[in-house]
Structures are given as C-alpha cells and as structure tokens.
Protein backbone atom coordinates (compact mmCIF):
# COMPACT_ATOMS: atom_id res chain seq x y z
CA MET A 1 -21.22 -15.62 12.18
CA ALA A 2 -20.65 -12.07 11.24
CA ARG A 3 -17.28 -11.08 10.00
CA MET A 4 -15.68 -9.28 13.23
CA GLY A 5 -12.46 -8.36 11.59
CA GLY A 6 -11.55 -5.84 9.14
CA ARG A 7 -10.63 -6.16 5.51
CA ARG A 8 -6.89 -6.94 4.68
CA HIS A 9 -7.13 -6.44 1.03
CA LEU A 10 -8.02 -3.57 -1.18
CA LYS A 11 -8.61 -3.77 -5.24
CA ARG A 12 -6.96 -1.60 -7.02
CA LEU A 13 -10.09 0.23 -8.58
CA ALA A 14 -11.03 1.29 -5.32
CA ALA A 15 -7.92 2.85 -3.74
CA PRO A 16 -7.66 6.89 -4.05
CA ASP A 17 -7.43 8.53 -6.92
CA PHE A 18 -4.43 10.15 -5.67
CA TRP A 19 -2.41 7.23 -5.04
CA PRO A 20 0.17 6.93 -8.23
CA ILE A 21 -0.80 3.19 -9.10
CA LEU A 22 -1.75 2.09 -12.55
CA LYS A 23 -5.49 1.15 -11.77
CA LYS A 24 -5.91 -1.59 -14.63
CA GLU A 25 -2.47 -3.28 -14.51
CA TYR A 26 -3.27 -5.48 -11.72
CA VAL A 27 -6.02 -6.30 -9.42
CA TRP A 28 -4.68 -5.70 -5.67
CA THR A 29 -2.78 -3.57 -4.05
CA VAL A 30 -1.42 -2.67 -0.33
CA LYS A 31 -4.31 -1.51 2.06
CA PRO A 32 -3.11 0.83 4.59
CA SER A 33 -2.89 -0.12 8.26
CA PRO A 34 -5.64 1.37 10.38
CA GLY A 35 -4.39 4.37 12.37
CA PRO A 36 -5.70 8.11 13.46
CA HIS A 37 -5.94 9.20 9.46
CA PRO A 38 -8.56 8.18 7.30
CA ILE A 39 -7.54 6.33 4.27
CA GLU A 40 -8.64 9.11 1.57
CA ARG A 41 -5.44 11.10 2.93
CA SER A 42 -2.93 8.34 3.48
CA ILE A 43 -0.40 6.50 1.12
CA PRO A 44 1.20 2.89 2.52
CA LEU A 45 5.02 3.36 2.65
CA LEU A 46 5.30 0.07 0.34
CA ILE A 47 3.52 2.35 -2.26
CA ILE A 48 5.83 4.91 -1.95
CA VAL A 49 8.83 2.67 -2.22
CA ARG A 50 7.81 0.69 -4.89
CA ASP A 51 5.62 2.56 -7.35
CA ILE A 52 6.71 6.24 -6.86
CA LEU A 53 10.50 5.77 -5.67
CA GLY A 54 10.83 2.70 -7.82
CA TYR A 55 13.67 0.87 -5.45
CA ALA A 56 11.99 -2.58 -5.60
CA GLU A 57 10.09 -4.22 -8.42
CA THR A 58 8.10 -6.31 -5.93
CA ALA A 59 6.22 -5.77 -2.67
CA ARG A 60 8.31 -8.50 -0.98
CA GLU A 61 11.66 -6.81 -2.17
CA ALA A 62 9.87 -3.30 -0.53
CA ARG A 63 9.18 -4.85 2.48
CA ARG A 64 12.44 -6.16 2.88
CA LEU A 65 14.06 -2.86 2.52
CA ILE A 66 11.81 -1.24 4.51
CA ALA A 67 12.34 -3.76 7.37
CA GLU A 68 15.99 -3.68 7.07
CA GLY A 69 15.85 0.26 7.87
CA HIS A 70 17.10 1.80 4.95
CA PHE A 71 14.16 4.45 4.81
CA LYS A 72 13.95 7.10 7.69
CA VAL A 73 10.01 8.32 8.00
C-alpha cells in the first residue's frame, strides 16, 4: 500500500533558511501544520516561543504555554 498521509516530522537541515534555529545542534524540528501558506513562508509558533523569544527550554514546555493561552496571535 502507498503512504497516504503526509509526513509529520522535518529534519533541521531541510528547514527553511530564514528559521532562526541551529541546523546542526539537533536532528529534528517542528513541522508547520498544513494551511493556506507554503512552508517556505511560514514559521511554527512553537519555534517562535522556544527559539526566538526563549520562554521555554523544550517543545513540551512551549506547547503547554501555548495551550494555556499565554500568547495572542
């Protein structure tokens, strides 16, 4: 059978260049959810909270902060 679903993970080396992440620090990063904008022009909220703003150390902490409503988009 063919793979019907999309990929849910993204390697850091394949991430767009404008994302402010260290490409060789870890292997995996967050993949943006599908939407109206292409991946080349979008940045996941988790990367903004964790890597740019520095409010969380891990992705788990960042997801919790986002879910609790600490940020307005």
